Amino acid sequence: MFEIEDIRDWRGRNVIDESGSKIGELEAIYVDTYTDLPSFATIKVGLPTRQRLVFAPLAGSTIGPEYLRVAHTKRQVKDAPAIDTDGELFAEAESEVFAHYDLPYEAGPNERRLARR
């Protein structure tokens, strides 16, 4: 796994899928609030006038010379829950992000599981 301090420097670099197809550009990293470890990336996708940020888990990801490779297909990532490029992930939408990737989600009342770094 990579350190959050290092991955922040990668904003704007390409994100590719497991087969090497470009998905979009890295926008931000979200950490798991329970562990404070990098958990999800947001990736800028879409046409310049209709861009959005989609979420992809960082588990199984690798860093190459100029890219971040996620362990999911381009289609799965592009179909993931999204927010506007200037939007935020609301607490009630967090479970949808985890469910899209069949990941377990637990959070207590009024607790957040993801925090942008």
PDB file of N, CA and C in Angstrom:
ATOM      1  N   MET A   1       0.858  -1.183   0.000  1.00  0.00           N
ATOM      2  CA  MET A   1       0.000   0.000   0.000  1.00  0.00           C
ATOM      3  C   MET A   1       0.893   1.232   0.000  1.00  0.00           C
ATOM      4  N   PHE A   2       0.386   2.309  -0.476  1.00  0.00           N
ATOM      5  CA  PHE A   2       1.149   3.548  -0.569  1.00  0.00           C
ATOM      6  C   PHE A   2       0.739   4.497   0.544  1.00  0.00           C
ATOM      7  N   GLU A   3       1.612   5.418   0.817  1.00  0.00           N
ATOM      8  CA  GLU A   3       1.361   6.396   1.866  1.00  0.00           C
ATOM      9  C   GLU A   3       0.499   7.530   1.329  1.00  0.00           C
ATOM     10  N   ILE A   4      -0.397   8.028   2.146  1.00  0.00           N
ATOM     11  CA  ILE A   4      -1.307   9.101   1.745  1.00  0.00           C
ATOM     12  C   ILE A   4      -0.523  10.356   1.343  1.00  0.00           C
ATOM     13  N   GLU A   5       0.599  10.619   1.985  1.00  0.00           N
ATOM     14  CA  GLU A   5       1.382  11.804   1.645  1.00  0.00           C
ATOM     15  C   GLU A   5       1.896  11.709   0.220  1.00  0.00           C
ATOM     16  N   ASP A   6       2.269  10.512  -0.219  1.00  0.00           N
ATOM     17  CA  ASP A   6       2.779  10.316  -1.572  1.00  0.00           C
ATOM     18  C   ASP A   6       1.668  10.411  -2.611  1.00  0.00           C
ATOM     19  N   ILE A   7       0.538   9.805  -2.348  1.00  0.00           N
ATOM     20  CA  ILE A   7      -0.524   9.728  -3.346  1.00  0.00           C
ATOM     21  C   ILE A   7      -1.154  11.095  -3.609  1.00  0.00           C
ATOM     22  N   ARG A   8      -1.137  11.992  -2.633  1.00  0.00           N
ATOM     23  CA  ARG A   8      -1.674  13.334  -2.857  1.00  0.00           C
ATOM     24  C   ARG A   8      -0.951  14.043  -3.991  1.00  0.00           C
ATOM     25  N   ASP A   9       0.325  13.754  -4.158  1.00  0.00           N
ATOM     26  CA  ASP A   9       1.118  14.357  -5.221  1.00  0.00           C
ATOM     27  C   ASP A   9       0.695  13.872  -6.605  1.00  0.00           C
ATOM     28  N   TRP A  10      -0.130  12.863  -6.653  1.00  0.00           N
ATOM     29  CA  TRP A  10      -0.521  12.252  -7.918  1.00  0.00           C
ATOM     30  C   TRP A  10      -1.790  12.858  -8.505  1.00  0.00           C
ATOM     31  N   ARG A  11      -2.363  13.846  -7.881  1.00  0.00           N
ATOM     32  CA  ARG A  11      -3.592  14.457  -8.385  1.00  0.00           C
ATOM     33  C   ARG A  11      -3.400  14.902  -9.837  1.00  0.00           C
ATOM     34  N   GLY A  12      -4.353  14.526 -10.694  1.00  0.00           N
ATOM     35  CA  GLY A  12      -4.288  14.873 -12.108  1.00  0.00           C
ATOM     36  C   GLY A  12      -3.627  13.821 -12.978  1.00  0.00           C
ATOM     37  N   ARG A  13      -3.017  12.826 -12.380  1.00  0.00           N
ATOM     38  CA  ARG A  13      -2.387  11.760 -13.174  1.00  0.00           C
ATOM     39  C   ARG A  13      -3.428  10.738 -13.606  1.00  0.00           C
ATOM     40  N   ASN A  14      -3.079   9.959 -14.592  1.00  0.00           N
ATOM     41  CA  ASN A  14      -3.999   8.970 -15.140  1.00  0.00           C
ATOM     42  C   ASN A  14      -4.302   7.856 -14.151  1.00  0.00           C
ATOM     43  N   VAL A  15      -5.551   7.404 -14.201  1.00  0.00           N
ATOM     44  CA  VAL A  15      -5.977   6.209 -13.481  1.00  0.00           C
ATOM     45  C   VAL A  15      -6.386   5.214 -14.556  1.00  0.00           C
ATOM     46  N   ILE A  16      -5.840   4.008 -14.462  1.00  0.00           N
ATOM     47  CA  ILE A  16      -6.147   2.972 -15.438  1.00  0.00           C
ATOM     48  C   ILE A  16      -6.805   1.789 -14.739  1.00  0.00           C
ATOM     49  N   ASP A  17      -7.494   0.966 -15.541  1.00  0.00           N
ATOM     50  CA  ASP A  17      -8.146  -0.205 -14.951  1.00  0.00           C
ATOM     51  C   ASP A  17      -7.187  -1.389 -14.935  1.00  0.00           C
ATOM     52  N   GLU A  18      -7.695  -2.538 -14.517  1.00  0.00           N
ATOM     53  CA  GLU A  18      -6.862  -3.720 -14.348  1.00  0.00           C
ATOM     54  C   GLU A  18      -6.232  -4.194 -15.652  1.00  0.00           C
ATOM     55  N   SER A  19      -6.836  -3.833 -16.807  1.00  0.00           N
ATOM     56  CA  SER A  19      -6.285  -4.250 -18.096  1.00  0.00           C
ATOM     57  C   SER A  19      -5.446  -3.159 -18.761  1.00  0.00           C
ATOM     58  N   GLY A  20      -5.336  -1.989 -18.133  1.00  0.00           N
ATOM     59  CA  GLY A  20      -4.517  -0.914 -18.668  1.00  0.00           C
ATOM     60  C   GLY A  20      -5.282   0.164 -19.413  1.00  0.00           C
ATOM     61  N   SER A  21      -6.617   0.065 -19.490  1.00  0.00           N
ATOM     62  CA  SER A  21      -7.421   1.089 -20.163  1.00  0.00           C
ATOM     63  C   SER A  21      -7.567   2.312 -19.261  1.00  0.00           C
ATOM     64  N   LYS A  22      -7.402   3.502 -19.867  1.00  0.00           N
ATOM     65  CA  LYS A  22      -7.519   4.729 -19.085  1.00  0.00           C
ATOM     66  C   LYS A  22      -8.970   4.944 -18.665  1.00  0.00           C
ATOM     67  N   ILE A  23      -9.156   5.247 -17.373  1.00  0.00           N
ATOM     68  CA  ILE A  23     -10.476   5.552 -16.831  1.00  0.00           C
ATOM     69  C   ILE A  23     -10.660   7.064 -16.758  1.00  0.00           C
ATOM     70  N   GLY A  24      -9.670   7.769 -16.244  1.00  0.00           N
ATOM     71  CA  GLY A  24      -9.755   9.211 -16.070  1.00  0.00           C
ATOM     72  C   GLY A  24      -8.557   9.714 -15.300  1.00  0.00           C
ATOM     73  N   GLU A  25      -8.729  10.851 -14.609  1.00  0.00           N
ATOM     74  CA  GLU A  25      -7.649  11.458 -13.842  1.00  0.00           C
ATOM     75  C   GLU A  25      -7.940  11.404 -12.350  1.00  0.00           C
ATOM     76  N   LEU A  26      -6.903  11.138 -11.573  1.00  0.00           N
ATOM     77  CA  LEU A  26      -7.038  11.099 -10.124  1.00  0.00           C
ATOM     78  C   LEU A  26      -7.373  12.489  -9.597  1.00  0.00           C
ATOM     79  N   GLU A  27      -8.422  12.567  -8.805  1.00  0.00           N
ATOM     80  CA  GLU A  27      -8.838  13.853  -8.234  1.00  0.00           C
ATOM     81  C   GLU A  27      -8.503  13.935  -6.740  1.00  0.00           C
ATOM     82  N   ALA A  28      -8.906  12.917  -5.973  1.00  0.00           N
ATOM     83  CA  ALA A  28      -8.699  12.975  -4.522  1.00  0.00           C
ATOM     84  C   ALA A  28      -8.640  11.570  -3.942  1.00  0.00           C
ATOM     85  N   ILE A  29      -8.177  11.516  -2.700  1.00  0.00           N
ATOM     86  CA  ILE A  29      -8.118  10.270  -1.942  1.00  0.00           C
ATOM     87  C   ILE A  29      -9.021  10.409  -0.725  1.00  0.00           C
ATOM     88  N   TYR A  30      -9.773   9.355  -0.454  1.00  0.00           N
ATOM     89  CA  TYR A  30     -10.605   9.283   0.749  1.00  0.00           C
ATOM     90  C   TYR A  30     -10.017   8.206   1.651  1.00  0.00           C
ATOM     91  N   VAL A  31      -9.872   8.533   2.922  1.00  0.00           N
ATOM     92  CA  VAL A  31      -9.347   7.572   3.886  1.00  0.00           C
ATOM     93  C   VAL A  31     -10.488   6.958   4.682  1.00  0.00           C
ATOM     94  N   ASP A  32     -10.244   5.761   5.180  1.00  0.00           N
ATOM     95  CA  ASP A  32     -11.175   5.085   6.069  1.00  0.00           C
ATOM     96  C   ASP A  32     -11.043   5.755   7.435  1.00  0.00           C
ATOM     97  N   THR A  33     -12.121   6.276   7.958  1.00  0.00           N
ATOM     98  CA  THR A  33     -12.056   7.007   9.228  1.00  0.00           C
ATOM     99  C   THR A  33     -11.729   6.096  10.406  1.00  0.00           C
ATOM    100  N   TYR A  34     -11.905   4.785  10.254  1.00  0.00           N
ATOM    101  CA  TYR A  34     -11.578   3.865  11.337  1.00  0.00           C
ATOM    102  C   TYR A  34     -10.083   3.590  11.410  1.00  0.00           C
ATOM    103  N   THR A  35      -9.410   3.569  10.240  1.00  0.00           N
ATOM    104  CA  THR A  35      -7.992   3.204  10.194  1.00  0.00           C
ATOM    105  C   THR A  35      -7.080   4.358   9.781  1.00  0.00           C
ATOM    106  N   ASP A  36      -7.635   5.406   9.207  1.00  0.00           N
ATOM    107  CA  ASP A  36      -6.901   6.543   8.651  1.00  0.00           C
ATOM    108  C   ASP A  36      -5.979   6.130   7.506  1.00  0.00           C
ATOM    109  N   LEU A  37      -6.325   5.040   6.825  1.00  0.00           N
ATOM    110  CA  LEU A  37      -5.559   4.564   5.669  1.00  0.00           C
ATOM    111  C   LEU A  37      -6.316   4.900   4.389  1.00  0.00           C
ATOM    112  N   PRO A  38      -5.590   5.119   3.282  1.00  0.00           N
ATOM    113  CA  PRO A  38      -6.256   5.380   2.003  1.00  0.00           C
ATOM    114  C   PRO A  38      -7.211   4.243   1.663  1.00  0.00           C
ATOM    115  N   SER A  39      -8.429   4.592   1.277  1.00  0.00           N
ATOM    116  CA  SER A  39      -9.451   3.583   1.038  1.00  0.00           C
ATOM    117  C   SER A  39     -10.068   3.687  -0.362  1.00  0.00           C
ATOM    118  N   PHE A  40     -10.406   4.899  -0.804  1.00  0.00           N
ATOM    119  CA  PHE A  40     -11.011   5.118  -2.107  1.00  0.00           C
ATOM    120  C   PHE A  40     -10.339   6.293  -2.805  1.00  0.00           C
ATOM    121  N   ALA A  41     -10.388   6.258  -4.127  1.00  0.00           N
ATOM    122  CA  ALA A  41      -9.950   7.392  -4.941  1.00  0.00           C
ATOM    123  C   ALA A  41     -11.166   7.934  -5.666  1.00  0.00           C
ATOM    124  N   THR A  42     -11.166   9.236  -5.914  1.00  0.00           N
ATOM    125  CA  THR A  42     -12.146   9.780  -6.841  1.00  0.00           C
ATOM    126  C   THR A  42     -11.411  10.047  -8.143  1.00  0.00           C
ATOM    127  N   ILE A  43     -12.105   9.720  -9.232  1.00  0.00           N
ATOM    128  CA  ILE A  43     -11.530   9.810 -10.561  1.00  0.00           C
ATOM    129  C   ILE A  43     -12.412  10.706 -11.410  1.00  0.00           C
ATOM    130  N   LYS A  44     -11.807  11.699 -12.036  1.00  0.00           N
ATOM    131  CA  LYS A  44     -12.544  12.620 -12.897  1.00  0.00           C
ATOM    132  C   LYS A  44     -12.772  11.944 -14.244  1.00  0.00           C
ATOM    133  N   VAL A  45     -14.068  11.781 -14.610  1.00  0.00           N
ATOM    134  CA  VAL A  45     -14.440  11.146 -15.874  1.00  0.00           C
ATOM    135  C   VAL A  45     -15.462  12.015 -16.593  1.00  0.00           C
ATOM    136  N   GLY A  46     -15.658  11.732 -17.866  1.00  0.00           N
ATOM    137  CA  GLY A  46     -16.686  12.421 -18.640  1.00  0.00           C
ATOM    138  C   GLY A  46     -16.113  13.484 -19.550  1.00  0.00           C
ATOM    139  N   LEU A  47     -16.993  14.048 -20.366  1.00  0.00           N
ATOM    140  CA  LEU A  47     -16.626  15.123 -21.269  1.00  0.00           C
ATOM    141  C   LEU A  47     -16.308  16.381 -20.477  1.00  0.00           C
ATOM    142  N   PRO A  48     -15.472  17.263 -21.020  1.00  0.00           N
ATOM    143  CA  PRO A  48     -15.094  18.467 -20.262  1.00  0.00           C
ATOM    144  C   PRO A  48     -16.282  19.280 -19.735  1.00  0.00           C
ATOM    145  N   THR A  49     -17.382  19.300 -20.447  1.00  0.00           N
ATOM    146  CA  THR A  49     -18.536  20.080 -19.986  1.00  0.00           C
ATOM    147  C   THR A  49     -19.457  19.290 -19.060  1.00  0.00           C
ATOM    148  N   ARG A  50     -19.231  17.980 -18.939  1.00  0.00           N
ATOM    149  CA  ARG A  50     -20.088  17.138 -18.088  1.00  0.00           C
ATOM    150  C   ARG A  50     -19.263  16.189 -17.232  1.00  0.00           C
ATOM    151  N   GLN A  51     -18.212  16.685 -16.626  1.00  0.00           N
ATOM    152  CA  GLN A  51     -17.365  15.824 -15.815  1.00  0.00           C
ATOM    153  C   GLN A  51     -18.001  15.543 -14.468  1.00  0.00           C
ATOM    154  N   ARG A  52     -17.621  14.403 -13.917  1.00  0.00           N
ATOM    155  CA  ARG A  52     -18.078  14.002 -12.597  1.00  0.00           C
ATOM    156  C   ARG A  52     -16.957  13.203 -11.941  1.00  0.00           C
ATOM    157  N   LEU A  53     -17.078  12.986 -10.655  1.00  0.00           N
ATOM    158  CA  LEU A  53     -16.095  12.205  -9.913  1.00  0.00           C
ATOM    159  C   LEU A  53     -16.717  10.883  -9.503  1.00  0.00           C
ATOM    160  N   VAL A  54     -16.083   9.784  -9.910  1.00  0.00           N
ATOM    161  CA  VAL A  54     -16.538   8.455  -9.525  1.00  0.00           C
ATOM    162  C   VAL A  54     -15.568   7.892  -8.485  1.00  0.00           C
ATOM    163  N   PHE A  55     -16.063   6.965  -7.700  1.00  0.00           N
ATOM    164  CA  PHE A  55     -15.278   6.374  -6.618  1.00  0.00           C
ATOM    165  C   PHE A  55     -14.761   4.993  -7.012  1.00  0.00           C
ATOM    166  N   ALA A  56     -13.511   4.715  -6.637  1.00  0.00           N
ATOM    167  CA  ALA A  56     -12.914   3.394  -6.867  1.00  0.00           C
ATOM    168  C   ALA A  56     -12.105   3.007  -5.634  1.00  0.00           C
ATOM    169  N   PRO A  57     -12.257   1.760  -5.171  1.00  0.00           N
ATOM    170  CA  PRO A  57     -11.479   1.314  -4.013  1.00  0.00           C
ATOM    171  C   PRO A  57      -9.993   1.261  -4.348  1.00  0.00           C
ATOM    172  N   LEU A  58      -9.167   1.514  -3.356  1.00  0.00           N
ATOM    173  CA  LEU A  58      -7.721   1.447  -3.549  1.00  0.00           C
ATOM    174  C   LEU A  58      -7.140   0.085  -3.208  1.00  0.00           C
ATOM    175  N   ALA A  59      -7.917  -0.790  -2.578  1.00  0.00           N
ATOM    176  CA  ALA A  59      -7.420  -2.132  -2.258  1.00  0.00           C
ATOM    177  C   ALA A  59      -7.020  -2.827  -3.557  1.00  0.00           C
ATOM    178  N   GLY A  60      -5.821  -3.349  -3.596  1.00  0.00           N
ATOM    179  CA  GLY A  60      -5.323  -4.040  -4.779  1.00  0.00           C
ATOM    180  C   GLY A  60      -4.752  -3.124  -5.847  1.00  0.00           C
ATOM    181  N   SER A  61      -4.736  -1.813  -5.591  1.00  0.00           N
ATOM    182  CA  SER A  61      -4.199  -0.862  -6.570  1.00  0.00           C
ATOM    183  C   SER A  61      -2.676  -0.881  -6.564  1.00  0.00           C
ATOM    184  N   THR A  62      -2.105  -0.494  -7.699  1.00  0.00           N
ATOM    185  CA  THR A  62      -0.656  -0.365  -7.813  1.00  0.00           C
ATOM    186  C   THR A  62      -0.322   0.954  -8.483  1.00  0.00           C
ATOM    187  N   ILE A  63       0.882   1.426  -8.221  1.00  0.00           N
ATOM    188  CA  ILE A  63       1.349   2.664  -8.816  1.00  0.00           C
ATOM    189  C   ILE A  63       2.398   2.327  -9.856  1.00  0.00           C
ATOM    190  N   GLY A  64       2.227   2.898 -11.047  1.00  0.00           N
ATOM    191  CA  GLY A  64       3.210   2.745 -12.114  1.00  0.00           C
ATOM    192  C   GLY A  64       3.973   4.044 -12.269  1.00  0.00           C
ATOM    193  N   PRO A  65       4.775   4.141 -13.323  1.00  0.00           N
ATOM    194  CA  PRO A  65       5.591   5.345 -13.511  1.00  0.00           C
ATOM    195  C   PRO A  65       4.782   6.650 -13.549  1.00  0.00           C
ATOM    196  N   GLU A  66       3.641   6.647 -14.210  1.00  0.00           N
ATOM    197  CA  GLU A  66       2.842   7.873 -14.330  1.00  0.00           C
ATOM    198  C   GLU A  66       1.352   7.608 -14.160  1.00  0.00           C
ATOM    199  N   TYR A  67       0.999   6.529 -13.463  1.00  0.00           N
ATOM    200  CA  TYR A  67      -0.414   6.173 -13.347  1.00  0.00           C
ATOM    201  C   TYR A  67      -0.701   5.433 -12.049  1.00  0.00           C
ATOM    202  N   LEU A  68      -1.981   5.392 -11.730  1.00  0.00           N
ATOM    203  CA  LEU A  68      -2.503   4.560 -10.655  1.00  0.00           C
ATOM    204  C   LEU A  68      -3.371   3.506 -11.307  1.00  0.00           C
ATOM    205  N   ARG A  69      -3.082   2.239 -11.065  1.00  0.00           N
ATOM    206  CA  ARG A  69      -3.870   1.134 -11.626  1.00  0.00           C
ATOM    207  C   ARG A  69      -4.790   0.595 -10.536  1.00  0.00           C
ATOM    208  N   VAL A  70      -6.109   0.672 -10.762  1.00  0.00           N
ATOM    209  CA  VAL A  70      -7.073   0.133  -9.806  1.00  0.00           C
ATOM    210  C   VAL A  70      -7.421  -1.298 -10.202  1.00  0.00           C
ATOM    211  N   ALA A  71      -7.876  -2.074  -9.252  1.00  0.00           N
ATOM    212  CA  ALA A  71      -8.133  -3.499  -9.454  1.00  0.00           C
ATOM    213  C   ALA A  71      -9.573  -3.771  -9.894  1.00  0.00           C
ATOM    214  N   HIS A  72     -10.098  -2.913 -10.764  1.00  0.00           N
ATOM    215  CA  HIS A  72     -11.475  -3.059 -11.248  1.00  0.00           C
ATOM    216  C   HIS A  72     -11.530  -2.690 -12.715  1.00  0.00           C
ATOM    217  N   THR A  73     -12.602  -3.092 -13.380  1.00  0.00           N
ATOM    218  CA  THR A  73     -12.738  -2.774 -14.797  1.00  0.00           C
ATOM    219  C   THR A  73     -13.158  -1.321 -14.986  1.00  0.00           C
ATOM    220  N   LYS A  74     -12.853  -0.805 -16.153  1.00  0.00           N
ATOM    221  CA  LYS A  74     -13.225   0.562 -16.501  1.00  0.00           C
ATOM    222  C   LYS A  74     -14.733   0.746 -16.387  1.00  0.00           C
ATOM    223  N   ARG A  75     -15.508  -0.213 -16.888  1.00  0.00           N
ATOM    224  CA  ARG A  75     -16.968  -0.123 -16.857  1.00  0.00           C
ATOM    225  C   ARG A  75     -17.469  -0.070 -15.422  1.00  0.00           C
ATOM    226  N   GLN A  76     -16.942  -0.941 -14.554  1.00  0.00           N
ATOM    227  CA  GLN A  76     -17.409  -0.954 -13.166  1.00  0.00           C
ATOM    228  C   GLN A  76     -17.121   0.386 -12.486  1.00  0.00           C
ATOM    229  N   VAL A  77     -15.956   0.943 -12.728  1.00  0.00           N
ATOM    230  CA  VAL A  77     -15.605   2.213 -12.108  1.00  0.00           C
ATOM    231  C   VAL A  77     -16.485   3.334 -12.655  1.00  0.00           C
ATOM    232  N   LYS A  78     -16.667   3.384 -13.972  1.00  0.00           N
ATOM    233  CA  LYS A  78     -17.468   4.464 -14.555  1.00  0.00           C
ATOM    234  C   LYS A  78     -18.940   4.366 -14.151  1.00  0.00           C
ATOM    235  N   ASP A  79     -19.404   3.170 -13.792  1.00  0.00           N
ATOM    236  CA  ASP A  79     -20.786   2.988 -13.335  1.00  0.00           C
ATOM    237  C   ASP A  79     -20.944   3.202 -11.828  1.00  0.00           C
ATOM    238  N   ALA A  80     -19.850   3.504 -11.148  1.00  0.00           N
ATOM    239  CA  ALA A  80     -19.880   3.681  -9.693  1.00  0.00           C
ATOM    240  C   ALA A  80     -20.627   4.961  -9.320  1.00  0.00           C
ATOM    241  N   PRO A  81     -21.088   5.036  -8.072  1.00  0.00           N
ATOM    242  CA  PRO A  81     -21.700   6.283  -7.601  1.00  0.00           C
ATOM    243  C   PRO A  81     -20.755   7.456  -7.850  1.00  0.00           C
ATOM    244  N   ALA A  82     -21.346   8.609  -8.185  1.00  0.00           N
ATOM    245  CA  ALA A  82     -20.544   9.777  -8.547  1.00  0.00           C
ATOM    246  C   ALA A  82     -21.045  11.019  -7.823  1.00  0.00           C
ATOM    247  N   ILE A  83     -20.167  12.013  -7.778  1.00  0.00           N
ATOM    248  CA  ILE A  83     -20.520  13.332  -7.256  1.00  0.00           C
ATOM    249  C   ILE A  83     -20.072  14.365  -8.290  1.00  0.00           C
ATOM    250  N   ASP A  84     -20.595  15.566  -8.192  1.00  0.00           N
ATOM    251  CA  ASP A  84     -20.141  16.655  -9.054  1.00  0.00           C
ATOM    252  C   ASP A  84     -18.684  16.966  -8.744  1.00  0.00           C
ATOM    253  N   THR A  85     -17.989  17.572  -9.709  1.00  0.00           N
ATOM    254  CA  THR A  85     -16.573  17.882  -9.500  1.00  0.00           C
ATOM    255  C   THR A  85     -16.346  18.847  -8.339  1.00  0.00           C
ATOM    256  N   ASP A  86     -17.359  19.623  -7.997  1.00  0.00           N
ATOM    257  CA  ASP A  86     -17.234  20.507  -6.829  1.00  0.00           C
ATOM    258  C   ASP A  86     -18.156  20.044  -5.694  1.00  0.00           C
ATOM    259  N   GLY A  87     -18.618  18.802  -5.780  1.00  0.00           N
ATOM    260  CA  GLY A  87     -19.548  18.271  -4.786  1.00  0.00           C
ATOM    261  C   GLY A  87     -18.848  17.550  -3.655  1.00  0.00           C
ATOM    262  N   GLU A  88     -19.661  16.971  -2.790  1.00  0.00           N
ATOM    263  CA  GLU A  88     -19.128  16.195  -1.680  1.00  0.00           C
ATOM    264  C   GLU A  88     -19.936  14.916  -1.532  1.00  0.00           C
ATOM    265  N   LEU A  89     -19.320  13.929  -0.937  1.00  0.00           N
ATOM    266  CA  LEU A  89     -19.991  12.666  -0.666  1.00  0.00           C
ATOM    267  C   LEU A  89     -20.717  12.796   0.666  1.00  0.00           C
ATOM    268  N   PHE A  90     -22.037  12.731   0.624  1.00  0.00           N
ATOM    269  CA  PHE A  90     -22.820  12.834   1.844  1.00  0.00           C
ATOM    270  C   PHE A  90     -22.809  11.507   2.589  1.00  0.00           C
ATOM    271  N   ALA A  91     -22.927  11.562   3.907  1.00  0.00           N
ATOM    272  CA  ALA A  91     -22.859  10.370   4.751  1.00  0.00           C
ATOM    273  C   ALA A  91     -23.859   9.305   4.321  1.00  0.00           C
ATOM    274  N   GLU A  92     -25.075   9.730   3.961  1.00  0.00           N
ATOM    275  CA  GLU A  92     -26.088   8.740   3.583  1.00  0.00           C
ATOM    276  C   GLU A  92     -25.790   8.048   2.259  1.00  0.00           C
ATOM    277  N   ALA A  93     -24.847   8.567   1.466  1.00  0.00           N
ATOM    278  CA  ALA A  93     -24.493   7.964   0.176  1.00  0.00           C
ATOM    279  C   ALA A  93     -23.271   7.047   0.274  1.00  0.00           C
ATOM    280  N   GLU A  94     -22.592   7.071   1.399  1.00  0.00           N
ATOM    281  CA  GLU A  94     -21.392   6.241   1.544  1.00  0.00           C
ATOM    282  C   GLU A  94     -21.671   4.763   1.330  1.00  0.00           C
ATOM    283  N   SER A  95     -22.758   4.275   1.874  1.00  0.00           N
ATOM    284  CA  SER A  95     -23.053   2.845   1.757  1.00  0.00           C
ATOM    285  C   SER A  95     -23.230   2.418   0.304  1.00  0.00           C
ATOM    286  N   GLU A  96     -23.727   3.313  -0.550  1.00  0.00           N
ATOM    287  CA  GLU A  96     -23.894   3.005  -1.976  1.00  0.00           C
ATOM    288  C   GLU A  96     -22.542   2.781  -2.651  1.00  0.00           C
ATOM    289  N   VAL A  97     -21.547   3.549  -2.258  1.00  0.00           N
ATOM    290  CA  VAL A  97     -20.205   3.394  -2.827  1.00  0.00           C
ATOM    291  C   VAL A  97     -19.663   2.013  -2.478  1.00  0.00           C
ATOM    292  N   PHE A  98     -19.765   1.623  -1.225  1.00  0.00           N
ATOM    293  CA  PHE A  98     -19.287   0.313  -0.795  1.00  0.00           C
ATOM    294  C   PHE A  98     -20.084  -0.805  -1.472  1.00  0.00           C
ATOM    295  N   ALA A  99     -21.394  -0.665  -1.544  1.00  0.00           N
ATOM    296  CA  ALA A  99     -22.253  -1.691  -2.138  1.00  0.00           C
ATOM    297  C   ALA A  99     -21.933  -1.908  -3.614  1.00  0.00           C
ATOM    298  N   HIS A 100     -21.599  -0.849  -4.326  1.00  0.00           N
ATOM    299  CA  HIS A 100     -21.284  -0.972  -5.751  1.00  0.00           C
ATOM    300  C   HIS A 100     -20.130  -1.948  -5.982  1.00  0.00           C
ATOM    301  N   TYR A 101     -19.210  -2.005  -5.054  1.00  0.00           N
ATOM    302  CA  TYR A 101     -18.053  -2.898  -5.178  1.00  0.00           C
ATOM    303  C   TYR A 101     -18.176  -4.138  -4.291  1.00  0.00           C
ATOM    304  N   ASP A 102     -19.379  -4.402  -3.786  1.00  0.00           N
ATOM    305  CA  ASP A 102     -19.626  -5.553  -2.913  1.00  0.00           C
ATOM    306  C   ASP A 102     -18.697  -5.569  -1.699  1.00  0.00           C
ATOM    307  N   LEU A 103     -18.464  -4.398  -1.123  1.00  0.00           N
ATOM    308  CA  LEU A 103     -17.629  -4.284   0.064  1.00  0.00           C
ATOM    309  C   LEU A 103     -18.511  -4.088   1.290  1.00  0.00           C
ATOM    310  N   PRO A 104     -18.121  -4.667   2.421  1.00  0.00           N
ATOM    311  CA  PRO A 104     -18.925  -4.492   3.633  1.00  0.00           C
ATOM    312  C   PRO A 104     -18.883  -3.045   4.097  1.00  0.00           C
ATOM    313  N   TYR A 105     -20.004  -2.584   4.615  1.00  0.00           N
ATOM    314  CA  TYR A 105     -20.086  -1.205   5.104  1.00  0.00           C
ATOM    315  C   TYR A 105     -20.711  -1.213   6.479  1.00  0.00           C
ATOM    316  N   GLU A 106     -20.010  -0.628   7.434  1.00  0.00           N
ATOM    317  CA  GLU A 106     -20.539  -0.460   8.781  1.00  0.00           C
ATOM    318  C   GLU A 106     -20.176   0.930   9.270  1.00  0.00           C
ATOM    319  N   ALA A 107     -21.153   1.612   9.762  1.00  0.00           N
ATOM    320  CA  ALA A 107     -20.924   2.917  10.381  1.00  0.00           C
ATOM    321  C   ALA A 107     -22.053   3.139  11.376  1.00  0.00           C
ATOM    322  N   GLY A 108     -21.705   3.681  12.507  1.00  0.00           N
ATOM    323  CA  GLY A 108     -22.702   3.957  13.530  1.00  0.00           C
ATOM    324  C   GLY A 108     -23.526   5.176  13.168  1.00  0.00           C
ATOM    325  N   PRO A 109     -24.563   5.432  13.923  1.00  0.00           N
ATOM    326  CA  PRO A 109     -25.374   6.626  13.689  1.00  0.00           C
ATOM    327  C   PRO A 109     -24.505   7.895  13.735  1.00  0.00           C
ATOM    328  N   ASN A 110     -24.716   8.761  12.789  1.00  0.00           N
ATOM    329  CA  ASN A 110     -23.986  10.025  12.694  1.00  0.00           C
ATOM    330  C   ASN A 110     -22.478   9.853  12.536  1.00  0.00           C
ATOM    331  N   GLU A 111     -22.029   8.686  12.047  1.00  0.00           N
ATOM    332  CA  GLU A 111     -20.605   8.453  11.809  1.00  0.00           C
ATOM    333  C   GLU A 111     -20.338   8.427  10.314  1.00  0.00           C
ATOM    334  N   ARG A 112     -19.148   8.889   9.946  1.00  0.00           N
ATOM    335  CA  ARG A 112     -18.692   8.822   8.566  1.00  0.00           C
ATOM    336  C   ARG A 112     -17.677   7.703   8.464  1.00  0.00           C
ATOM    337  N   ARG A 113     -17.658   7.044   7.342  1.00  0.00           N
ATOM    338  CA  ARG A 113     -16.686   5.987   7.105  1.00  0.00           C
ATOM    339  C   ARG A 113     -15.560   6.464   6.192  1.00  0.00           C
ATOM    340  N   LEU A 114     -15.842   7.509   5.388  1.00  0.00           N
ATOM    341  CA  LEU A 114     -14.851   8.039   4.453  1.00  0.00           C
ATOM    342  C   LEU A 114     -14.632   9.532   4.688  1.00  0.00           C
ATOM    343  N   ALA A 115     -13.370   9.940   4.603  1.00  0.00           N
ATOM    344  CA  ALA A 115     -13.020  11.349   4.742  1.00  0.00           C
ATOM    345  C   ALA A 115     -12.034  11.722   3.645  1.00  0.00           C
ATOM    346  N   ARG A 116     -12.281  12.834   2.993  1.00  0.00           N
ATOM    347  CA  ARG A 116     -11.392  13.284   1.915  1.00  0.00           C
ATOM    348  C   ARG A 116     -10.116  13.850   2.513  1.00  0.00           C
ATOM    349  N   ARG A 117      -9.005  13.498   1.891  1.00  0.00           N
ATOM    350  CA  ARG A 117      -7.697  14.027   2.320  1.00  0.00           C
ATOM    351  C   ARG A 117      -7.048  14.775   1.186  1.00  0.00           C
TER     352      ARG A 117
END
